[in-house]
Amino acid sequence: MIYLILSGEGFSEILDIADKATDKLWLNNGIVADDAVNAAIEKGWPIKVFADEINAKSEQSIVKALKYIEKKWPNEDIEVEYL
């Protein structure tokens, strides 16, 4: 499963329920401090951070991010955090 995380709260929640051995986390840029992201990566979480910020209130921005992820992993399920 791939998780598209759009908020800091969502990041905390996903760390509680996701499986770091099989799930991938994609974070909106600027929602979590670099130190927290690096600490999670050191604990084994596969995390990617978008280079540009996704406007979490724009369906078009979210769809664009989803399409990018789908190109890289076309057969993976994607869970999107909606605000």
PDB file of N, CA and C in Angstrom:
ATOM      1  N   MET A   1       0.846  -1.174   0.000  1.00  0.00           N
ATOM      2  CA  MET A   1       0.000   0.000   0.000  1.00  0.00           C
ATOM      3  C   MET A   1       0.890   1.236   0.000  1.00  0.00           C
ATOM      4  N   ILE A   2       0.453   2.228  -0.721  1.00  0.00           N
ATOM      5  CA  ILE A   2       1.126   3.523  -0.723  1.00  0.00           C
ATOM      6  C   ILE A   2       0.196   4.516  -0.041  1.00  0.00           C
ATOM      7  N   TYR A   3       0.751   5.306   0.850  1.00  0.00           N
ATOM      8  CA  TYR A   3      -0.022   6.334   1.538  1.00  0.00           C
ATOM      9  C   TYR A   3       0.435   7.706   1.052  1.00  0.00           C
ATOM     10  N   LEU A   4      -0.516   8.485   0.548  1.00  0.00           N
ATOM     11  CA  LEU A   4      -0.273   9.878   0.196  1.00  0.00           C
ATOM     12  C   LEU A   4      -0.723  10.710   1.385  1.00  0.00           C
ATOM     13  N   ILE A   5       0.234  11.316   2.070  1.00  0.00           N
ATOM     14  CA  ILE A   5      -0.026  12.016   3.337  1.00  0.00           C
ATOM     15  C   ILE A   5       0.057  13.509   3.098  1.00  0.00           C
ATOM     16  N   LEU A   6      -1.015  14.208   3.443  1.00  0.00           N
ATOM     17  CA  LEU A   6      -1.123  15.627   3.144  1.00  0.00           C
ATOM     18  C   LEU A   6      -0.988  16.529   4.355  1.00  0.00           C
ATOM     19  N   SER A   7      -0.962  15.970   5.571  1.00  0.00           N
ATOM     20  CA  SER A   7      -0.873  16.800   6.778  1.00  0.00           C
ATOM     21  C   SER A   7       0.039  16.140   7.811  1.00  0.00           C
ATOM     22  N   GLY A   8       0.513  16.950   8.744  1.00  0.00           N
ATOM     23  CA  GLY A   8       1.332  16.428   9.830  1.00  0.00           C
ATOM     24  C   GLY A   8       0.577  15.438  10.699  1.00  0.00           C
ATOM     25  N   GLU A   9      -0.705  15.705  10.936  1.00  0.00           N
ATOM     26  CA  GLU A   9      -1.527  14.793  11.731  1.00  0.00           C
ATOM     27  C   GLU A   9      -1.652  13.440  11.028  1.00  0.00           C
ATOM     28  N   GLY A  10      -1.820  13.503   9.706  1.00  0.00           N
ATOM     29  CA  GLY A  10      -1.920  12.263   8.936  1.00  0.00           C
ATOM     30  C   GLY A  10      -0.644  11.445   9.012  1.00  0.00           C
ATOM     31  N   PHE A  11       0.492  12.124   9.005  1.00  0.00           N
ATOM     32  CA  PHE A  11       1.780  11.441   9.120  1.00  0.00           C
ATOM     33  C   PHE A  11       1.855  10.665  10.436  1.00  0.00           C
ATOM     34  N   SER A  12       1.481  11.289  11.523  1.00  0.00           N
ATOM     35  CA  SER A  12       1.507  10.625  12.836  1.00  0.00           C
ATOM     36  C   SER A  12       0.572   9.431  12.868  1.00  0.00           C
ATOM     37  N   GLU A  13      -0.618   9.589  12.297  1.00  0.00           N
ATOM     38  CA  GLU A  13      -1.596   8.499  12.289  1.00  0.00           C
ATOM     39  C   GLU A  13      -1.108   7.317  11.462  1.00  0.00           C
ATOM     40  N   ILE A  14      -0.533   7.595  10.306  1.00  0.00           N
ATOM     41  CA  ILE A  14      -0.072   6.520   9.429  1.00  0.00           C
ATOM     42  C   ILE A  14       1.071   5.738  10.072  1.00  0.00           C
ATOM     43  N   LEU A  15       1.956   6.420  10.786  1.00  0.00           N
ATOM     44  CA  LEU A  15       3.044   5.702  11.461  1.00  0.00           C
ATOM     45  C   LEU A  15       2.508   4.705  12.469  1.00  0.00           C
ATOM     46  N   ASP A  16       1.312   4.942  12.989  1.00  0.00           N
ATOM     47  CA  ASP A  16       0.698   4.021  13.955  1.00  0.00           C
ATOM     48  C   ASP A  16       0.050   2.813  13.291  1.00  0.00           C
ATOM     49  N   ILE A  17      -0.358   2.941  12.023  1.00  0.00           N
ATOM     50  CA  ILE A  17      -1.119   1.839  11.411  1.00  0.00           C
ATOM     51  C   ILE A  17      -0.421   1.167  10.223  1.00  0.00           C
ATOM     52  N   ALA A  18       0.492   1.842   9.581  1.00  0.00           N
ATOM     53  CA  ALA A  18       1.144   1.292   8.386  1.00  0.00           C
ATOM     54  C   ALA A  18       2.188   0.246   8.768  1.00  0.00           C
ATOM     55  N   ASP A  19       2.560  -0.544   7.781  1.00  0.00           N
ATOM     56  CA  ASP A  19       3.591  -1.571   7.954  1.00  0.00           C
ATOM     57  C   ASP A  19       4.847  -1.103   7.223  1.00  0.00           C
ATOM     58  N   LYS A  20       5.880  -0.773   7.974  1.00  0.00           N
ATOM     59  CA  LYS A  20       7.085  -0.224   7.342  1.00  0.00           C
ATOM     60  C   LYS A  20       7.804  -1.236   6.460  1.00  0.00           C
ATOM     61  N   ALA A  21       7.488  -2.510   6.598  1.00  0.00           N
ATOM     62  CA  ALA A  21       8.122  -3.520   5.762  1.00  0.00           C
ATOM     63  C   ALA A  21       7.504  -3.587   4.362  1.00  0.00           C
ATOM     64  N   THR A  22       6.251  -3.177   4.228  1.00  0.00           N
ATOM     65  CA  THR A  22       5.582  -3.321   2.937  1.00  0.00           C
ATOM     66  C   THR A  22       4.983  -2.034   2.379  1.00  0.00           C
ATOM     67  N   ASP A  23       4.697  -1.059   3.217  1.00  0.00           N
ATOM     68  CA  ASP A  23       4.034   0.165   2.779  1.00  0.00           C
ATOM     69  C   ASP A  23       5.045   1.252   2.437  1.00  0.00           C
ATOM     70  N   LYS A  24       4.625   2.155   1.546  1.00  0.00           N
ATOM     71  CA  LYS A  24       5.445   3.301   1.161  1.00  0.00           C
ATOM     72  C   LYS A  24       4.704   4.570   1.556  1.00  0.00           C
ATOM     73  N   LEU A  25       5.429   5.555   2.057  1.00  0.00           N
ATOM     74  CA  LEU A  25       4.820   6.808   2.483  1.00  0.00           C
ATOM     75  C   LEU A  25       5.305   7.936   1.593  1.00  0.00           C
ATOM     76  N   TRP A  26       4.365   8.693   1.041  1.00  0.00           N
ATOM     77  CA  TRP A  26       4.670   9.880   0.246  1.00  0.00           C
ATOM     78  C   TRP A  26       4.115  11.072   0.988  1.00  0.00           C
ATOM     79  N   LEU A  27       4.969  12.024   1.306  1.00  0.00           N
ATOM     80  CA  LEU A  27       4.578  13.173   2.115  1.00  0.00           C
ATOM     81  C   LEU A  27       4.481  14.444   1.289  1.00  0.00           C
ATOM     82  N   ASN A  28       3.488  15.230   1.645  1.00  0.00           N
ATOM     83  CA  ASN A  28       3.390  16.573   1.113  1.00  0.00           C
ATOM     84  C   ASN A  28       4.596  17.360   1.617  1.00  0.00           C
ATOM     85  N   ASN A  29       5.149  18.190   0.791  1.00  0.00           N
ATOM     86  CA  ASN A  29       6.312  18.983   1.160  1.00  0.00           C
ATOM     87  C   ASN A  29       5.938  20.010   2.228  1.00  0.00           C
ATOM     88  N   GLY A  30       6.752  20.096   3.269  1.00  0.00           N
ATOM     89  CA  GLY A  30       6.591  21.126   4.286  1.00  0.00           C
ATOM     90  C   GLY A  30       5.626  20.812   5.416  1.00  0.00           C
ATOM     91  N   ILE A  31       5.088  19.592   5.475  1.00  0.00           N
ATOM     92  CA  ILE A  31       4.107  19.288   6.526  1.00  0.00           C
ATOM     93  C   ILE A  31       4.742  18.696   7.777  1.00  0.00           C
ATOM     94  N   VAL A  32       5.937  18.149   7.633  1.00  0.00           N
ATOM     95  CA  VAL A  32       6.629  17.506   8.755  1.00  0.00           C
ATOM     96  C   VAL A  32       8.062  18.036   8.769  1.00  0.00           C
ATOM     97  N   ALA A  33       8.562  18.349   9.933  1.00  0.00           N
ATOM     98  CA  ALA A  33       9.933  18.836  10.065  1.00  0.00           C
ATOM     99  C   ALA A  33      10.924  17.800   9.536  1.00  0.00           C
ATOM    100  N   ASP A  34      11.990  18.295   8.925  1.00  0.00           N
ATOM    101  CA  ASP A  34      13.013  17.404   8.371  1.00  0.00           C
ATOM    102  C   ASP A  34      13.555  16.439   9.415  1.00  0.00           C
ATOM    103  N   ASP A  35      13.728  16.899  10.647  1.00  0.00           N
ATOM    104  CA  ASP A  35      14.234  16.034  11.715  1.00  0.00           C
ATOM    105  C   ASP A  35      13.305  14.847  11.954  1.00  0.00           C
ATOM    106  N   ALA A  36      11.989  15.097  11.938  1.00  0.00           N
ATOM    107  CA  ALA A  36      11.017  14.021  12.161  1.00  0.00           C
ATOM    108  C   ALA A  36      11.017  13.035  10.997  1.00  0.00           C
ATOM    109  N   VAL A  37      11.128  13.559   9.783  1.00  0.00           N
ATOM    110  CA  VAL A  37      11.190  12.681   8.609  1.00  0.00           C
ATOM    111  C   VAL A  37      12.453  11.829   8.673  1.00  0.00           C
ATOM    112  N   ASN A  38      13.591  12.448   8.952  1.00  0.00           N
ATOM    113  CA  ASN A  38      14.848  11.701   9.038  1.00  0.00           C
ATOM    114  C   ASN A  38      14.826  10.667  10.150  1.00  0.00           C
ATOM    115  N   ALA A  39      14.202  10.989  11.274  1.00  0.00           N
ATOM    116  CA  ALA A  39      14.101  10.020  12.379  1.00  0.00           C
ATOM    117  C   ALA A  39      13.268   8.822  11.952  1.00  0.00           C
ATOM    118  N   ALA A  40      12.180   9.061  11.227  1.00  0.00           N
ATOM    119  CA  ALA A  40      11.344   7.959  10.757  1.00  0.00           C
ATOM    120  C   ALA A  40      12.082   7.106   9.725  1.00  0.00           C
ATOM    121  N   ILE A  41      12.842   7.747   8.850  1.00  0.00           N
ATOM    122  CA  ILE A  41      13.634   7.010   7.862  1.00  0.00           C
ATOM    123  C   ILE A  41      14.679   6.140   8.559  1.00  0.00           C
ATOM    124  N   GLU A  42      15.319   6.683   9.595  1.00  0.00           N
ATOM    125  CA  GLU A  42      16.310   5.905  10.352  1.00  0.00           C
ATOM    126  C   GLU A  42      15.685   4.693  11.031  1.00  0.00           C
ATOM    127  N   LYS A  43      14.386   4.777  11.335  1.00  0.00           N
ATOM    128  CA  LYS A  43      13.669   3.644  11.943  1.00  0.00           C
ATOM    129  C   LYS A  43      13.175   2.652  10.901  1.00  0.00           C
ATOM    130  N   GLY A  44      13.478   2.920   9.632  1.00  0.00           N
ATOM    131  CA  GLY A  44      13.144   1.961   8.586  1.00  0.00           C
ATOM    132  C   GLY A  44      11.934   2.299   7.730  1.00  0.00           C
ATOM    133  N   TRP A  45      11.339   3.458   7.924  1.00  0.00           N
ATOM    134  CA  TRP A  45      10.185   3.834   7.115  1.00  0.00           C
ATOM    135  C   TRP A  45      10.623   4.260   5.712  1.00  0.00           C
ATOM    136  N   PRO A  46       9.994   3.685   4.673  1.00  0.00           N
ATOM    137  CA  PRO A  46      10.288   4.116   3.301  1.00  0.00           C
ATOM    138  C   PRO A  46       9.491   5.379   2.982  1.00  0.00           C
ATOM    139  N   ILE A  47      10.129   6.527   3.059  1.00  0.00           N
ATOM    140  CA  ILE A  47       9.454   7.815   2.915  1.00  0.00           C
ATOM    141  C   ILE A  47      10.037   8.599   1.745  1.00  0.00           C
ATOM    142  N   LYS A  48       9.141   9.152   0.955  1.00  0.00           N
ATOM    143  CA  LYS A  48       9.505  10.086  -0.107  1.00  0.00           C
ATOM    144  C   LYS A  48       8.742  11.378   0.170  1.00  0.00           C
ATOM    145  N   VAL A  49       9.393  12.503  -0.055  1.00  0.00           N
ATOM    146  CA  VAL A  49       8.758  13.809   0.131  1.00  0.00           C
ATOM    147  C   VAL A  49       8.691  14.482  -1.235  1.00  0.00           C
ATOM    148  N   PHE A  50       7.499  14.946  -1.599  1.00  0.00           N
ATOM    149  CA  PHE A  50       7.358  15.651  -2.875  1.00  0.00           C
ATOM    150  C   PHE A  50       8.246  16.887  -2.882  1.00  0.00           C
ATOM    151  N   ALA A  51       8.818  17.191  -4.034  1.00  0.00           N
ATOM    152  CA  ALA A  51       9.682  18.364  -4.164  1.00  0.00           C
ATOM    153  C   ALA A  51       8.880  19.649  -4.014  1.00  0.00           C
ATOM    154  N   ASP A  52       7.662  19.658  -4.533  1.00  0.00           N
ATOM    155  CA  ASP A  52       6.798  20.827  -4.449  1.00  0.00           C
ATOM    156  C   ASP A  52       5.628  20.532  -3.518  1.00  0.00           C
ATOM    157  N   GLU A  53       5.086  21.581  -2.932  1.00  0.00           N
ATOM    158  CA  GLU A  53       3.946  21.414  -2.034  1.00  0.00           C
ATOM    159  C   GLU A  53       2.691  21.082  -2.831  1.00  0.00           C
ATOM    160  N   ILE A  54       1.928  20.124  -2.316  1.00  0.00           N
ATOM    161  CA  ILE A  54       0.635  19.771  -2.887  1.00  0.00           C
ATOM    162  C   ILE A  54      -0.415  20.610  -2.166  1.00  0.00           C
ATOM    163  N   ASN A  55      -1.237  21.327  -2.926  1.00  0.00           N
ATOM    164  CA  ASN A  55      -2.318  22.084  -2.316  1.00  0.00           C
ATOM    165  C   ASN A  55      -3.394  21.091  -1.889  1.00  0.00           C
ATOM    166  N   ALA A  56      -3.462  20.814  -0.601  1.00  0.00           N
ATOM    167  CA  ALA A  56      -4.368  19.793  -0.072  1.00  0.00           C
ATOM    168  C   ALA A  56      -5.836  20.160  -0.227  1.00  0.00           C
ATOM    169  N   LYS A  57      -6.122  21.403  -0.566  1.00  0.00           N
ATOM    170  CA  LYS A  57      -7.505  21.825  -0.768  1.00  0.00           C
ATOM    171  C   LYS A  57      -7.892  21.808  -2.244  1.00  0.00           C
ATOM    172  N   SER A  58      -6.946  21.426  -3.093  1.00  0.00           N
ATOM    173  CA  SER A  58      -7.180  21.404  -4.538  1.00  0.00           C
ATOM    174  C   SER A  58      -7.220  19.963  -5.040  1.00  0.00           C
ATOM    175  N   GLU A  59      -8.383  19.563  -5.515  1.00  0.00           N
ATOM    176  CA  GLU A  59      -8.519  18.218  -6.049  1.00  0.00           C
ATOM    177  C   GLU A  59      -7.563  18.002  -7.222  1.00  0.00           C
ATOM    178  N   GLN A  60      -7.371  19.017  -8.030  1.00  0.00           N
ATOM    179  CA  GLN A  60      -6.469  18.932  -9.176  1.00  0.00           C
ATOM    180  C   GLN A  60      -5.030  18.647  -8.734  1.00  0.00           C
ATOM    181  N   SER A  61      -4.579  19.303  -7.668  1.00  0.00           N
ATOM    182  CA  SER A  61      -3.222  19.070  -7.158  1.00  0.00           C
ATOM    183  C   SER A  61      -3.070  17.651  -6.620  1.00  0.00           C
ATOM    184  N   ILE A  62      -4.089  17.175  -5.944  1.00  0.00           N
ATOM    185  CA  ILE A  62      -4.042  15.814  -5.389  1.00  0.00           C
ATOM    186  C   ILE A  62      -4.026  14.784  -6.513  1.00  0.00           C
ATOM    187  N   VAL A  63      -4.863  14.994  -7.523  1.00  0.00           N
ATOM    188  CA  VAL A  63      -4.898  14.076  -8.662  1.00  0.00           C
ATOM    189  C   VAL A  63      -3.548  14.055  -9.380  1.00  0.00           C
ATOM    190  N   LYS A  64      -2.929  15.196  -9.525  1.00  0.00           N
ATOM    191  CA  LYS A  64      -1.600  15.276 -10.162  1.00  0.00           C
ATOM    192  C   LYS A  64      -0.584  14.447  -9.375  1.00  0.00           C
ATOM    193  N   ALA A  65      -0.616  14.556  -8.051  1.00  0.00           N
ATOM    194  CA  ALA A  65       0.289  13.772  -7.207  1.00  0.00           C
ATOM    195  C   ALA A  65      -0.003  12.279  -7.345  1.00  0.00           C
ATOM    196  N   LEU A  66      -1.277  11.922  -7.383  1.00  0.00           N
ATOM    197  CA  LEU A  66      -1.659  10.511  -7.539  1.00  0.00           C
ATOM    198  C   LEU A  66      -1.155   9.947  -8.868  1.00  0.00           C
ATOM    199  N   LYS A  67      -1.296  10.712  -9.921  1.00  0.00           N
ATOM    200  CA  LYS A  67      -0.842  10.246 -11.232  1.00  0.00           C
ATOM    201  C   LYS A  67       0.663  10.017 -11.247  1.00  0.00           C
ATOM    202  N   TYR A  68       1.399  10.882 -10.567  1.00  0.00           N
ATOM    203  CA  TYR A  68       2.846  10.710 -10.474  1.00  0.00           C
ATOM    204  C   TYR A  68       3.181   9.392  -9.771  1.00  0.00           C
ATOM    205  N   ILE A  69       2.520   9.136  -8.656  1.00  0.00           N
ATOM    206  CA  ILE A  69       2.760   7.895  -7.902  1.00  0.00           C
ATOM    207  C   ILE A  69       2.346   6.679  -8.732  1.00  0.00           C
ATOM    208  N   GLU A  70       1.189   6.761  -9.385  1.00  0.00           N
ATOM    209  CA  GLU A  70       0.695   5.630 -10.187  1.00  0.00           C
ATOM    210  C   GLU A  70       1.656   5.273 -11.322  1.00  0.00           C
ATOM    211  N   LYS A  71       2.343   6.256 -11.884  1.00  0.00           N
ATOM    212  CA  LYS A  71       3.318   5.957 -12.940  1.00  0.00           C
ATOM    213  C   LYS A  71       4.471   5.131 -12.401  1.00  0.00           C
ATOM    214  N   LYS A  72       4.885   5.425 -11.172  1.00  0.00           N
ATOM    215  CA  LYS A  72       6.014   4.709 -10.579  1.00  0.00           C
ATOM    216  C   LYS A  72       5.622   3.311 -10.088  1.00  0.00           C
ATOM    217  N   TRP A  73       4.414   3.181  -9.542  1.00  0.00           N
ATOM    218  CA  TRP A  73       3.926   1.913  -9.006  1.00  0.00           C
ATOM    219  C   TRP A  73       2.509   1.665  -9.501  1.00  0.00           C
ATOM    220  N   PRO A  74       2.359   1.234 -10.757  1.00  0.00           N
ATOM    221  CA  PRO A  74       1.029   1.101 -11.351  1.00  0.00           C
ATOM    222  C   PRO A  74       0.138   0.024 -10.725  1.00  0.00           C
ATOM    223  N   ASN A  75       0.711  -0.928 -10.045  1.00  0.00           N
ATOM    224  CA  ASN A  75      -0.087  -2.023  -9.491  1.00  0.00           C
ATOM    225  C   ASN A  75      -0.302  -1.927  -7.987  1.00  0.00           C
ATOM    226  N   GLU A  76       0.079  -0.813  -7.385  1.00  0.00           N
ATOM    227  CA  GLU A  76      -0.067  -0.629  -5.940  1.00  0.00           C
ATOM    228  C   GLU A  76      -1.373   0.094  -5.606  1.00  0.00           C
ATOM    229  N   ASP A  77      -1.968  -0.273  -4.489  1.00  0.00           N
ATOM    230  CA  ASP A  77      -3.106   0.468  -3.964  1.00  0.00           C
ATOM    231  C   ASP A  77      -2.590   1.741  -3.312  1.00  0.00           C
ATOM    232  N   ILE A  78      -3.351   2.811  -3.461  1.00  0.00           N
ATOM    233  CA  ILE A  78      -2.960   4.100  -2.881  1.00  0.00           C
ATOM    234  C   ILE A  78      -4.065   4.578  -1.966  1.00  0.00           C
ATOM    235  N   GLU A  79      -3.698   4.913  -0.760  1.00  0.00           N
ATOM    236  CA  GLU A  79      -4.614   5.485   0.224  1.00  0.00           C
ATOM    237  C   GLU A  79      -4.272   6.977   0.346  1.00  0.00           C
ATOM    238  N   VAL A  80      -5.281   7.820   0.174  1.00  0.00           N
ATOM    239  CA  VAL A  80      -5.074   9.270   0.227  1.00  0.00           C
ATOM    240  C   VAL A  80      -5.712   9.827   1.487  1.00  0.00           C
ATOM    241  N   GLU A  81      -4.955  10.620   2.191  1.00  0.00           N
ATOM    242  CA  GLU A  81      -5.497  11.336   3.352  1.00  0.00           C
ATOM    243  C   GLU A  81      -6.208  12.580   2.839  1.00  0.00           C
ATOM    244  N   TYR A  82      -7.501  12.631   3.068  1.00  0.00           N
ATOM    245  CA  TYR A  82      -8.257  13.831   2.689  1.00  0.00           C
ATOM    246  C   TYR A  82      -8.497  14.657   3.926  1.00  0.00           C
ATOM    247  N   LEU A  83      -8.314  15.959   3.798  1.00  0.00           N
ATOM    248  CA  LEU A  83      -8.483  16.872   4.919  1.00  0.00           C
ATOM    249  C   LEU A  83      -9.924  17.295   5.030  1.00  0.00           C
TER     250      LEU A  83
END
